[in-house]
């Protein structure tokens, strides 16, 4: 994400160099007058009022006086241009990175609030973002927000994340947590805005790319969601959730042949990932690979948690239909 911070430039006056140029500009007429041998005589004549006859030598059709003054004017103009030139006084602030470990407050596996905070890494020139004096207080509000999110108290969680961000606006994890809470409340546009802000602060957070992809899927922006899952997998190619949801996204785009290897990859990374087995089964069924689909559905049934009882019951009925159907042996 592009940073909102831009570089600034201010005029820089090089008066020391200008003085050197001015000195150089004064040398040609002095040297030429000395070479002519009449410099002292002319100076005395000017002081005493005497009248002397003097003729400047000619070089390339021009008198030495003309050459000297043209030379002097050239250097004076050059010195003025150089002295008033502007240049960057410092590089602009780059996008800050993140540090810190994830601290999930035991929420649902598909929705974790993580810590990703920035205090500003060094940028070119050795400068850094100003330190935040109230980080401990901000972290207290943030962690409490994560606990409330895990309890399903999303509005209260958002309020706590807002308090953390008021104290520490660069706390990327608080923006991500706020995005999760907004997503849970189906405030999808606001969730995307929060994820974008989190990614602006920490573009290397694979989990936030994944969470943003989920929201985009929910509102039907499948191509954009696919881009987010790809970004997540570039950062963390061993993220089973991102592989699975990329497969679901591809299947929704009508590309089941590309989707199946993604769900298979998710299962290879996490063989106990029940949701990935279900997604794999649905894609295999779409590809009319019925025996494979039935086997995958049964793996989902075996691995599903107690909280998925309703889904398990539906899948069991569906498997019975598939096993009794005309395509059962294909």
C-alpha atoms as a PDB file:
ATOM      1  CA  UNK A   1       0.000   0.000   0.000  1.00  0.00           C
ATOM      2  CA  UNK A   2       1.265   3.250  -0.794  1.00  0.00           C
ATOM      3  CA  UNK A   3       2.395   5.360   2.091  1.00  0.00           C
ATOM      4  CA  UNK A   4       0.571   8.587   2.875  1.00  0.00           C
ATOM      5  CA  UNK A   5       3.801  10.185   3.879  1.00  0.00           C
ATOM      6  CA  UNK A   6       5.473  12.133   1.107  1.00  0.00           C
ATOM      7  CA  UNK A   7       8.939  13.528   0.802  1.00  0.00           C
ATOM      8  CA  UNK A   8       9.390  17.264   1.255  1.00  0.00           C
ATOM      9  CA  UNK A   9      11.945  19.596  -0.279  1.00  0.00           C
ATOM     10  CA  UNK A  10      13.215  22.966   0.896  1.00  0.00           C
ATOM     11  CA  UNK A  11      15.524  25.509  -0.774  1.00  0.00           C
ATOM     12  CA  UNK A  12      19.153  24.938   0.090  1.00  0.00           C
ATOM     13  CA  UNK A  13      21.486  27.936  -0.303  1.00  0.00           C
ATOM     14  CA  UNK A  14      25.053  27.105  -1.229  1.00  0.00           C
ATOM     15  CA  UNK A  15      26.533  30.480  -0.333  1.00  0.00           C
ATOM     16  CA  UNK A  16      29.990  29.052   0.299  1.00  0.00           C
ATOM     17  CA  UNK A  17      30.163  27.699  -3.233  1.00  0.00           C
ATOM     18  CA  UNK A  18      28.685  30.933  -4.567  1.00  0.00           C
ATOM     19  CA  UNK A  19      31.532  32.871  -2.951  1.00  0.00           C
ATOM     20  CA  UNK A  20      34.038  30.612  -4.702  1.00  0.00           C
ATOM     21  CA  UNK A  21      32.331  31.258  -8.028  1.00  0.00           C
ATOM     22  CA  UNK A  22      32.340  34.991  -7.379  1.00  0.00           C
ATOM     23  CA  UNK A  23      36.062  34.866  -6.628  1.00  0.00           C
ATOM     24  CA  UNK A  24      36.713  32.949  -9.839  1.00  0.00           C
ATOM     25  CA  UNK A  25      34.584  35.454 -11.717  1.00  0.00           C
ATOM     26  CA  UNK A  26      36.777  38.311 -10.473  1.00  0.00           C
ATOM     27  CA  UNK A  27      40.034  36.675 -11.558  1.00  0.00           C
ATOM     28  CA  UNK A  28      39.793  36.996 -15.391  1.00  0.00           C
ATOM     29  CA  UNK A  29      39.607  40.813 -15.583  1.00  0.00           C
ATOM     30  CA  UNK A  30      42.427  41.138 -13.012  1.00  0.00           C
ATOM     31  CA  UNK A  31      44.635  38.710 -14.922  1.00  0.00           C
ATOM     32  CA  UNK A  32      43.874  40.296 -18.283  1.00  0.00           C
ATOM     33  CA  UNK A  33      44.599  43.798 -16.978  1.00  0.00           C
ATOM     34  CA  UNK A  34      47.885  42.597 -15.510  1.00  0.00           C
ATOM     35  CA  UNK A  35      48.836  40.914 -18.797  1.00  0.00           C
ATOM     36  CA  UNK A  36      48.156  44.115 -20.680  1.00  0.00           C
ATOM     37  CA  UNK A  37      50.750  45.813 -18.489  1.00  0.00           C
ATOM     38  CA  UNK A  38      48.648  48.931 -18.204  1.00  0.00           C
ATOM     39  CA  UNK A  39      46.694  48.064 -15.102  1.00  0.00           C
ATOM     40  CA  UNK A  40      48.844  50.125 -12.724  1.00  0.00           C
ATOM     41  CA  UNK A  41      49.087  53.036 -15.152  1.00  0.00           C
ATOM     42  CA  UNK A  42      45.381  53.109 -15.675  1.00  0.00           C
ATOM     43  CA  UNK A  43      44.692  52.953 -11.955  1.00  0.00           C
ATOM     44  CA  UNK A  44      47.122  55.860 -11.279  1.00  0.00           C
ATOM     45  CA  UNK A  45      45.659  57.841 -14.124  1.00  0.00           C
ATOM     46  CA  UNK A  46      42.175  57.417 -12.707  1.00  0.00           C
ATOM     47  CA  UNK A  47      43.331  58.528  -9.259  1.00  0.00           C
ATOM     48  CA  UNK A  48      45.460  61.508 -10.430  1.00  0.00           C
ATOM     49  CA  UNK A  49      43.224  62.646 -13.213  1.00  0.00           C
ATOM     50  CA  UNK A  50      46.001  62.408 -15.829  1.00  0.00           C
ATOM     51  CA  UNK A  51      45.041  61.594 -19.353  1.00  0.00           C
ATOM     52  CA  UNK A  52      46.859  58.687 -20.935  1.00  0.00           C
ATOM     53  CA  UNK A  53      46.385  57.002 -24.260  1.00  0.00           C
ATOM     54  CA  UNK A  54      45.530  53.305 -23.851  1.00  0.00           C
ATOM     55  CA  UNK A  55      44.289  50.684 -26.311  1.00  0.00           C
ATOM     56  CA  UNK A  56      43.093  47.243 -25.185  1.00  0.00           C
ATOM     57  CA  UNK A  57      44.536  44.250 -27.085  1.00  0.00           C
ATOM     58  CA  UNK A  58      42.194  42.379 -29.446  1.00  0.00           C
ATOM     59  CA  UNK A  59      41.640  38.604 -29.189  1.00  0.00           C
ATOM     60  CA  UNK A  60      39.524  36.792 -31.823  1.00  0.00           C
ATOM     61  CA  UNK A  61      38.111  40.097 -32.932  1.00  0.00           C
ATOM     62  CA  UNK A  62      37.084  41.130 -29.414  1.00  0.00           C
ATOM     63  CA  UNK A  63      38.884  43.467 -27.067  1.00  0.00           C
ATOM     64  CA  UNK A  64      40.278  42.000 -23.858  1.00  0.00           C
ATOM     65  CA  UNK A  65      37.922  44.242 -21.869  1.00  0.00           C
ATOM     66  CA  UNK A  66      34.890  42.714 -23.588  1.00  0.00           C
ATOM     67  CA  UNK A  67      36.156  39.176 -23.009  1.00  0.00           C
ATOM     68  CA  UNK A  68      36.900  39.895 -19.350  1.00  0.00           C
ATOM     69  CA  UNK A  69      33.507  41.374 -18.604  1.00  0.00           C
ATOM     70  CA  UNK A  70      31.667  38.607 -20.500  1.00  0.00           C
ATOM     71  CA  UNK A  71      33.664  36.050 -18.494  1.00  0.00           C
ATOM     72  CA  UNK A  72      32.843  37.764 -15.237  1.00  0.00           C
ATOM     73  CA  UNK A  73      29.123  38.091 -16.020  1.00  0.00           C
ATOM     74  CA  UNK A  74      28.949  34.409 -16.996  1.00  0.00           C
ATOM     75  CA  UNK A  75      30.370  33.246 -13.669  1.00  0.00           C
ATOM     76  CA  UNK A  76      28.276  35.680 -11.634  1.00  0.00           C
ATOM     77  CA  UNK A  77      25.076  34.394 -13.279  1.00  0.00           C
ATOM     78  CA  UNK A  78      26.215  30.797 -12.796  1.00  0.00           C
ATOM     79  CA  UNK A  79      26.956  31.479  -9.134  1.00  0.00           C
ATOM     80  CA  UNK A  80      23.499  32.997  -8.588  1.00  0.00           C
ATOM     81  CA  UNK A  81      21.774  30.043 -10.265  1.00  0.00           C
ATOM     82  CA  UNK A  82      23.704  27.561  -8.164  1.00  0.00           C
ATOM     83  CA  UNK A  83      23.115  29.507  -4.955  1.00  0.00           C
ATOM     84  CA  UNK A  84      19.333  29.567  -5.427  1.00  0.00           C
ATOM     85  CA  UNK A  85      19.045  25.956  -6.562  1.00  0.00           C
ATOM     86  CA  UNK A  86      16.832  23.673  -4.482  1.00  0.00           C
ATOM     87  CA  UNK A  87      17.526  20.125  -3.462  1.00  0.00           C
ATOM     88  CA  UNK A  88      16.039  17.536  -1.163  1.00  0.00           C
ATOM     89  CA  UNK A  89      16.909  18.299   2.414  1.00  0.00           C
ATOM     90  CA  UNK A  90      15.966  14.820   3.551  1.00  0.00           C
ATOM     91  CA  UNK A  91      14.272  11.738   2.280  1.00  0.00           C
ATOM     92  CA  UNK A  92      10.563  11.335   2.971  1.00  0.00           C
ATOM     93  CA  UNK A  93       9.250   8.942   5.562  1.00  0.00           C
ATOM     94  CA  UNK A  94       8.926   5.471   4.244  1.00  0.00           C
ATOM     95  CA  UNK A  95       6.379   3.027   5.277  1.00  0.00           C
ATOM     96  CA  UNK A  96       7.153   1.672   8.728  1.00  0.00           C
ATOM     97  CA  UNK A  97       7.573  -2.034   9.304  1.00  0.00           C
ATOM     98  CA  UNK A  98       6.344  -4.140  12.188  1.00  0.00           C
ATOM     99  CA  UNK A  99       7.796  -6.099  15.052  1.00  0.00           C
ATOM    100  CA  UNK A 100       6.398  -8.250  17.787  1.00  0.00           C
ATOM    101  CA  UNK A 101       4.968 -11.747  18.027  1.00  0.00           C
ATOM    102  CA  UNK A 102       1.379 -12.816  17.525  1.00  0.00           C
ATOM    103  CA  UNK A 103      -0.608 -13.039  20.741  1.00  0.00           C
ATOM    104  CA  UNK A 104      -3.929 -14.702  19.905  1.00  0.00           C
ATOM    105  CA  UNK A 105      -6.522 -14.410  22.694  1.00  0.00           C
ATOM    106  CA  UNK A 106      -7.945 -17.879  21.919  1.00  0.00           C
ATOM    107  CA  UNK A 107     -10.664 -16.828  19.435  1.00  0.00           C
ATOM    108  CA  UNK A 108     -12.073 -19.021  16.667  1.00  0.00           C
ATOM    109  CA  UNK A 109      -9.305 -20.574  14.511  1.00  0.00           C
ATOM    110  CA  UNK A 110     -10.451 -18.684  11.398  1.00  0.00           C
ATOM    111  CA  UNK A 111     -10.469 -15.302  13.167  1.00  0.00           C
ATOM    112  CA  UNK A 112      -7.505 -14.449  15.332  1.00  0.00           C
ATOM    113  CA  UNK A 113      -6.550 -11.051  16.649  1.00  0.00           C
ATOM    114  CA  UNK A 114      -2.791 -10.656  16.346  1.00  0.00           C
ATOM    115  CA  UNK A 115      -0.241  -8.196  17.613  1.00  0.00           C
ATOM    116  CA  UNK A 116       1.584  -6.266  14.922  1.00  0.00           C
ATOM    117  CA  UNK A 117       2.840  -2.914  16.125  1.00  0.00           C
ATOM    118  CA  UNK A 118       5.217  -0.370  14.656  1.00  0.00           C
ATOM    119  CA  UNK A 119       7.300   2.317  16.237  1.00  0.00           C
ATOM    120  CA  UNK A 120       9.011   3.186  12.999  1.00  0.00           C
ATOM    121  CA  UNK A 121      12.089   1.543  11.487  1.00  0.00           C
ATOM    122  CA  UNK A 122      15.109   3.572  10.385  1.00  0.00           C
ATOM    123  CA  UNK A 123      14.712   5.231   7.035  1.00  0.00           C
ATOM    124  CA  UNK A 124      17.406   6.458   4.697  1.00  0.00           C
ATOM    125  CA  UNK A 125      19.598   8.974   6.430  1.00  0.00           C
ATOM    126  CA  UNK A 126      19.248   7.311   9.825  1.00  0.00           C
ATOM    127  CA  UNK A 127      16.027   9.104  10.786  1.00  0.00           C
ATOM    128  CA  UNK A 128      13.107   7.236  12.335  1.00  0.00           C
ATOM    129  CA  UNK A 129       9.507   7.875  13.273  1.00  0.00           C
ATOM    130  CA  UNK A 130       9.047   9.534  16.650  1.00  0.00           C
ATOM    131  CA  UNK A 131       8.681   7.178  19.587  1.00  0.00           C
ATOM    132  CA  UNK A 132       5.213   6.640  21.020  1.00  0.00           C
ATOM    133  CA  UNK A 133       5.293   7.388  24.767  1.00  0.00           C
ATOM    134  CA  UNK A 134       2.091   5.544  25.699  1.00  0.00           C
ATOM    135  CA  UNK A 135       2.627   2.127  24.076  1.00  0.00           C
ATOM    136  CA  UNK A 136       1.959   0.117  27.288  1.00  0.00           C
ATOM    137  CA  UNK A 137      -1.453   1.734  27.774  1.00  0.00           C
ATOM    138  CA  UNK A 138      -2.292   1.256  24.099  1.00  0.00           C
ATOM    139  CA  UNK A 139      -1.342  -2.415  24.325  1.00  0.00           C
ATOM    140  CA  UNK A 140      -3.588  -2.850  27.352  1.00  0.00           C
ATOM    141  CA  UNK A 141      -6.591  -1.543  25.404  1.00  0.00           C
ATOM    142  CA  UNK A 142      -5.588  -3.662  22.406  1.00  0.00           C
ATOM    143  CA  UNK A 143      -5.315  -6.916  24.344  1.00  0.00           C
ATOM    144  CA  UNK A 144      -8.637  -6.298  26.071  1.00  0.00           C
ATOM    145  CA  UNK A 145     -10.161  -5.696  22.643  1.00  0.00           C
ATOM    146  CA  UNK A 146      -8.830  -9.064  21.514  1.00  0.00           C
ATOM    147  CA  UNK A 147     -10.396 -10.770  24.516  1.00  0.00           C
ATOM    148  CA  UNK A 148     -13.760  -9.130  23.817  1.00  0.00           C
ATOM    149  CA  UNK A 149     -13.545 -10.165  20.177  1.00  0.00           C
ATOM    150  CA  UNK A 150     -12.923 -13.780  21.206  1.00  0.00           C
ATOM    151  CA  UNK A 151     -16.087 -13.593  23.340  1.00  0.00           C
ATOM    152  CA  UNK A 152     -18.131 -12.342  20.388  1.00  0.00           C
ATOM    153  CA  UNK A 153     -18.584  -8.874  21.922  1.00  0.00           C
ATOM    154  CA  UNK A 154     -17.661  -7.119  18.707  1.00  0.00           C
ATOM    155  CA  UNK A 155     -18.934  -3.595  19.392  1.00  0.00           C
ATOM    156  CA  UNK A 156     -17.059  -3.462  22.689  1.00  0.00           C
ATOM    157  CA  UNK A 157     -13.985  -4.869  20.975  1.00  0.00           C
ATOM    158  CA  UNK A 158     -14.102  -2.087  18.366  1.00  0.00           C
ATOM    159  CA  UNK A 159     -14.384   0.506  21.137  1.00  0.00           C
ATOM    160  CA  UNK A 160     -11.243  -0.875  22.791  1.00  0.00           C
ATOM    161  CA  UNK A 161      -9.343  -1.033  19.514  1.00  0.00           C
ATOM    162  CA  UNK A 162     -10.310   2.605  18.894  1.00  0.00           C
ATOM    163  CA  UNK A 163      -8.912   3.608  22.279  1.00  0.00           C
ATOM    164  CA  UNK A 164      -5.680   1.763  21.523  1.00  0.00           C
ATOM    165  CA  UNK A 165      -5.399   3.493  18.152  1.00  0.00           C
ATOM    166  CA  UNK A 166      -6.046   6.909  19.659  1.00  0.00           C
ATOM    167  CA  UNK A 167      -2.969   6.382  21.824  1.00  0.00           C
ATOM    168  CA  UNK A 168      -0.912   4.583  19.171  1.00  0.00           C
ATOM    169  CA  UNK A 169      -2.210   5.149  15.598  1.00  0.00           C
ATOM    170  CA  UNK A 170       0.595   2.997  14.163  1.00  0.00           C
ATOM    171  CA  UNK A 171      -0.500  -0.147  16.024  1.00  0.00           C
ATOM    172  CA  UNK A 172      -1.115  -2.343  12.990  1.00  0.00           C
ATOM    173  CA  UNK A 173      -2.564  -5.196  15.030  1.00  0.00           C
ATOM    174  CA  UNK A 174      -5.302  -2.935  16.411  1.00  0.00           C
ATOM    175  CA  UNK A 175      -6.303  -1.952  12.863  1.00  0.00           C
ATOM    176  CA  UNK A 176      -6.383  -5.647  11.908  1.00  0.00           C
ATOM    177  CA  UNK A 177      -8.414  -6.540  15.018  1.00  0.00           C
ATOM    178  CA  UNK A 178     -10.852  -3.743  14.254  1.00  0.00           C
ATOM    179  CA  UNK A 179     -11.177  -5.147  10.736  1.00  0.00           C
ATOM    180  CA  UNK A 180     -12.002  -8.604  12.093  1.00  0.00           C
ATOM    181  CA  UNK A 181     -14.661  -7.178  14.395  1.00  0.00           C
ATOM    182  CA  UNK A 182     -16.208  -5.114  11.590  1.00  0.00           C
ATOM    183  CA  UNK A 183     -16.210  -8.182   9.362  1.00  0.00           C
ATOM    184  CA  UNK A 184     -17.995 -10.182  12.065  1.00  0.00           C
ATOM    185  CA  UNK A 185     -20.646  -7.448  12.176  1.00  0.00           C
ATOM    186  CA  UNK A 186     -20.930  -7.529   8.355  1.00  0.00           C
ATOM    187  CA  UNK A 187     -19.563  -3.998   8.069  1.00  0.00           C
ATOM    188  CA  UNK A 188     -17.500  -5.102   5.098  1.00  0.00           C
ATOM    189  CA  UNK A 189     -16.420  -1.773   3.644  1.00  0.00           C
ATOM    190  CA  UNK A 190     -15.206  -0.580   7.032  1.00  0.00           C
ATOM    191  CA  UNK A 191     -13.416  -3.886   7.555  1.00  0.00           C
ATOM    192  CA  UNK A 192     -11.572  -3.448   4.246  1.00  0.00           C
ATOM    193  CA  UNK A 193     -10.574   0.093   5.246  1.00  0.00           C
ATOM    194  CA  UNK A 194      -9.127  -1.227   8.514  1.00  0.00           C
ATOM    195  CA  UNK A 195      -7.240  -4.014   6.768  1.00  0.00           C
ATOM    196  CA  UNK A 196      -5.815  -1.538   4.263  1.00  0.00           C
ATOM    197  CA  UNK A 197      -4.558   0.663   7.082  1.00  0.00           C
ATOM    198  CA  UNK A 198      -3.005  -2.333   8.823  1.00  0.00           C
ATOM    199  CA  UNK A 199      -1.292  -3.397   5.597  1.00  0.00           C
ATOM    200  CA  UNK A 200      -0.057   0.130   4.989  1.00  0.00           C
ATOM    201  CA  UNK A 201       1.739  -0.101   8.315  1.00  0.00           C
ATOM    202  CA  UNK A 202       2.819  -3.721   7.933  1.00  0.00           C
ATOM    203  CA  UNK A 203       2.556  -4.991   4.333  1.00  0.00           C
ATOM    204  CA  UNK A 204       4.298  -8.257   5.288  1.00  0.00           C
ATOM    205  CA  UNK A 205       1.470  -9.537   7.489  1.00  0.00           C
ATOM    206  CA  UNK A 206       0.244 -12.601   5.587  1.00  0.00           C
ATOM    207  CA  UNK A 207      -2.703 -13.130   7.940  1.00  0.00           C
ATOM    208  CA  UNK A 208      -4.129  -9.675   7.254  1.00  0.00           C
ATOM    209  CA  UNK A 209      -3.863 -10.228   3.492  1.00  0.00           C
ATOM    210  CA  UNK A 210      -5.771 -13.465   4.038  1.00  0.00           C
ATOM    211  CA  UNK A 211      -8.443 -11.819   6.197  1.00  0.00           C
ATOM    212  CA  UNK A 212      -8.922  -9.055   3.641  1.00  0.00           C
ATOM    213  CA  UNK A 213      -9.333 -11.726   0.961  1.00  0.00           C
ATOM    214  CA  UNK A 214     -12.098 -13.358   3.018  1.00  0.00           C
ATOM    215  CA  UNK A 215     -14.014 -10.079   3.218  1.00  0.00           C
ATOM    216  CA  UNK A 216     -13.655  -9.482  -0.513  1.00  0.00           C
ATOM    217  CA  UNK A 217     -14.973 -12.995  -1.135  1.00  0.00           C
ATOM    218  CA  UNK A 218     -17.964 -12.254   1.079  1.00  0.00           C
ATOM    219  CA  UNK A 219     -18.972  -9.272  -1.068  1.00  0.00           C
ATOM    220  CA  UNK A 220     -18.318 -11.033  -4.366  1.00  0.00           C
ATOM    221  CA  UNK A 221     -15.089  -9.288  -5.351  1.00  0.00           C
ATOM    222  CA  UNK A 222     -13.470 -12.592  -6.217  1.00  0.00           C
ATOM    223  CA  UNK A 223     -10.601 -11.405  -8.415  1.00  0.00           C
ATOM    224  CA  UNK A 224      -9.486  -8.920  -5.760  1.00  0.00           C
ATOM    225  CA  UNK A 225      -9.819 -11.630  -3.126  1.00  0.00           C
ATOM    226  CA  UNK A 226      -7.655 -13.953  -5.214  1.00  0.00           C
ATOM    227  CA  UNK A 227      -4.956 -11.275  -5.373  1.00  0.00           C
ATOM    228  CA  UNK A 228      -5.020 -11.013  -1.575  1.00  0.00           C
ATOM    229  CA  UNK A 229      -4.648 -14.773  -1.113  1.00  0.00           C
ATOM    230  CA  UNK A 230      -1.738 -14.740  -3.551  1.00  0.00           C
ATOM    231  CA  UNK A 231      -0.079 -11.937  -1.576  1.00  0.00           C
ATOM    232  CA  UNK A 232      -0.524 -13.938   1.626  1.00  0.00           C
ATOM    233  CA  UNK A 233       1.055 -17.013   0.040  1.00  0.00           C
ATOM    234  CA  UNK A 234       4.028 -15.065  -1.283  1.00  0.00           C
ATOM    235  CA  UNK A 235       4.763 -14.030   2.302  1.00  0.00           C
ATOM    236  CA  UNK A 236       3.873 -17.375   3.916  1.00  0.00           C
ATOM    237  CA  UNK A 237       3.655 -20.255   1.426  1.00  0.00           C
ATOM    238  CA  UNK A 238       2.870 -22.694   4.265  1.00  0.00           C
ATOM    239  CA  UNK A 239      -0.413 -21.015   5.241  1.00  0.00           C
ATOM    240  CA  UNK A 240      -2.962 -23.814   4.864  1.00  0.00           C
ATOM    241  CA  UNK A 241      -5.925 -21.450   5.301  1.00  0.00           C
ATOM    242  CA  UNK A 242      -4.751 -19.223   2.464  1.00  0.00           C
ATOM    243  CA  UNK A 243      -4.269 -22.211   0.148  1.00  0.00           C
ATOM    244  CA  UNK A 244      -7.740 -23.536   0.972  1.00  0.00           C
ATOM    245  CA  UNK A 245      -9.492 -20.200   0.536  1.00  0.00           C
ATOM    246  CA  UNK A 246      -7.615 -19.543  -2.687  1.00  0.00           C
ATOM    247  CA  UNK A 247      -9.005 -22.864  -3.916  1.00  0.00           C
ATOM    248  CA  UNK A 248     -12.542 -21.898  -2.888  1.00  0.00           C
ATOM    249  CA  UNK A 249     -12.126 -18.541  -4.617  1.00  0.00           C
ATOM    250  CA  UNK A 250     -10.918 -20.195  -7.840  1.00  0.00           C
ATOM    251  CA  UNK A 251     -13.826 -22.643  -7.730  1.00  0.00           C
ATOM    252  CA  UNK A 252     -16.254 -19.739  -7.302  1.00  0.00           C
ATOM    253  CA  UNK A 253     -14.665 -18.123 -10.363  1.00  0.00           C
ATOM    254  CA  UNK A 254     -15.458 -21.267 -12.370  1.00  0.00           C
ATOM    255  CA  UNK A 255     -11.897 -22.594 -12.363  1.00  0.00           C
ATOM    256  CA  UNK A 256     -12.186 -25.942 -10.489  1.00  0.00           C
ATOM    257  CA  UNK A 257      -9.171 -27.509 -12.229  1.00  0.00           C
ATOM    258  CA  UNK A 258      -6.964 -24.778 -10.705  1.00  0.00           C
ATOM    259  CA  UNK A 259      -8.839 -24.878  -7.395  1.00  0.00           C
ATOM    260  CA  UNK A 260      -8.319 -28.557  -6.601  1.00  0.00           C
ATOM    261  CA  UNK A 261      -4.495 -28.419  -6.271  1.00  0.00           C
ATOM    262  CA  UNK A 262      -4.857 -25.484  -3.847  1.00  0.00           C
ATOM    263  CA  UNK A 263      -7.136 -27.416  -1.496  1.00  0.00           C
ATOM    264  CA  UNK A 264      -4.891 -30.462  -1.844  1.00  0.00           C
ATOM    265  CA  UNK A 265      -1.920 -28.303  -0.851  1.00  0.00           C
ATOM    266  CA  UNK A 266      -3.823 -27.073   2.225  1.00  0.00           C
ATOM    267  CA  UNK A 267      -4.447 -30.681   3.276  1.00  0.00           C
ATOM    268  CA  UNK A 268      -0.794 -31.598   2.731  1.00  0.00           C
ATOM    269  CA  UNK A 269       0.191 -28.756   5.049  1.00  0.00           C
ATOM    270  CA  UNK A 270      -2.486 -29.632   7.625  1.00  0.00           C
ATOM    271  CA  UNK A 271      -4.021 -33.114   7.219  1.00  0.00           C
ATOM    272  CA  UNK A 272      -6.452 -32.439  10.084  1.00  0.00           C
ATOM    273  CA  UNK A 273      -7.910 -29.327   8.395  1.00  0.00           C
ATOM    274  CA  UNK A 274     -11.550 -30.440   8.148  1.00  0.00           C
ATOM    275  CA  UNK A 275     -12.778 -27.429   6.157  1.00  0.00           C
ATOM    276  CA  UNK A 276     -10.168 -28.093   3.480  1.00  0.00           C
ATOM    277  CA  UNK A 277     -11.391 -31.679   3.112  1.00  0.00           C
ATOM    278  CA  UNK A 278     -14.933 -30.397   2.615  1.00  0.00           C
ATOM    279  CA  UNK A 279     -13.799 -27.837   0.030  1.00  0.00           C
ATOM    280  CA  UNK A 280     -11.770 -30.501  -1.775  1.00  0.00           C
ATOM    281  CA  UNK A 281     -14.818 -32.803  -1.843  1.00  0.00           C
ATOM    282  CA  UNK A 282     -17.076 -30.114  -3.317  1.00  0.00           C
ATOM    283  CA  UNK A 283     -14.550 -29.325  -6.067  1.00  0.00           C
ATOM    284  CA  UNK A 284     -14.068 -33.038  -6.855  1.00  0.00           C
ATOM    285  CA  UNK A 285     -17.837 -33.415  -7.110  1.00  0.00           C
ATOM    286  CA  UNK A 286     -17.972 -30.503  -9.543  1.00  0.00           C
ATOM    287  CA  UNK A 287     -15.310 -32.255 -11.620  1.00  0.00           C
ATOM    288  CA  UNK A 288     -17.470 -35.421 -11.524  1.00  0.00           C
ATOM    289  CA  UNK A 289     -14.846 -37.319  -9.538  1.00  0.00           C
ATOM    290  CA  UNK A 290     -17.516 -38.855  -7.342  1.00  0.00           C
ATOM    291  CA  UNK A 291     -15.498 -41.565  -5.576  1.00  0.00           C
ATOM    292  CA  UNK A 292     -12.812 -39.048  -4.639  1.00  0.00           C
ATOM    293  CA  UNK A 293     -15.490 -36.617  -3.483  1.00  0.00           C
ATOM    294  CA  UNK A 294     -17.151 -39.246  -1.261  1.00  0.00           C
ATOM    295  CA  UNK A 295     -13.792 -40.135   0.306  1.00  0.00           C
ATOM    296  CA  UNK A 296     -13.039 -36.470   0.990  1.00  0.00           C
ATOM    297  CA  UNK A 297     -16.488 -35.856   2.465  1.00  0.00           C
ATOM    298  CA  UNK A 298     -15.958 -38.789   4.828  1.00  0.00           C
ATOM    299  CA  UNK A 299     -12.628 -37.333   5.935  1.00  0.00           C
ATOM    300  CA  UNK A 300     -14.442 -34.078   6.698  1.00  0.00           C
ATOM    301  CA  UNK A 301     -17.027 -35.985   8.759  1.00  0.00           C
ATOM    302  CA  UNK A 302     -14.289 -37.742  10.716  1.00  0.00           C
ATOM    303  CA  UNK A 303     -12.322 -34.558  11.427  1.00  0.00           C
ATOM    304  CA  UNK A 304     -15.162 -32.065  12.003  1.00  0.00           C
ATOM    305  CA  UNK A 305     -15.521 -30.614  15.470  1.00  0.00           C
ATOM    306  CA  UNK A 306     -18.559 -30.939  17.708  1.00  0.00           C
ATOM    307  CA  UNK A 307     -19.569 -27.407  16.765  1.00  0.00           C
ATOM    308  CA  UNK A 308     -20.000 -28.508  13.139  1.00  0.00           C
ATOM    309  CA  UNK A 309     -22.701 -31.076  13.956  1.00  0.00           C
ATOM    310  CA  UNK A 310     -25.283 -29.478  11.660  1.00  0.00           C
ATOM    311  CA  UNK A 311     -22.852 -29.353   8.747  1.00  0.00           C
ATOM    312  CA  UNK A 312     -21.789 -32.946   9.379  1.00  0.00           C
ATOM    313  CA  UNK A 313     -25.395 -34.090   9.276  1.00  0.00           C
ATOM    314  CA  UNK A 314     -25.981 -32.354   5.939  1.00  0.00           C
ATOM    315  CA  UNK A 315     -22.806 -33.839   4.473  1.00  0.00           C
ATOM    316  CA  UNK A 316     -23.745 -37.340   5.660  1.00  0.00           C
ATOM    317  CA  UNK A 317     -27.108 -37.093   3.856  1.00  0.00           C
ATOM    318  CA  UNK A 318     -25.359 -35.797   0.752  1.00  0.00           C
ATOM    319  CA  UNK A 319     -22.830 -38.651   0.808  1.00  0.00           C
ATOM    320  CA  UNK A 320     -25.675 -41.157   1.009  1.00  0.00           C
ATOM    321  CA  UNK A 321     -27.210 -39.620  -2.102  1.00  0.00           C
ATOM    322  CA  UNK A 322     -23.898 -39.705  -3.958  1.00  0.00           C
ATOM    323  CA  UNK A 323     -23.217 -43.344  -3.046  1.00  0.00           C
ATOM    324  CA  UNK A 324     -26.691 -44.374  -4.214  1.00  0.00           C
ATOM    325  CA  UNK A 325     -26.701 -42.245  -7.347  1.00  0.00           C
ATOM    326  CA  UNK A 326     -26.034 -43.248 -10.978  1.00  0.00           C
ATOM    327  CA  UNK A 327     -22.550 -41.692 -10.865  1.00  0.00           C
ATOM    328  CA  UNK A 328     -21.459 -43.561  -7.750  1.00  0.00           C
ATOM    329  CA  UNK A 329     -19.067 -45.832  -9.617  1.00  0.00           C
ATOM    330  CA  UNK A 330     -17.413 -43.121 -11.735  1.00  0.00           C
END
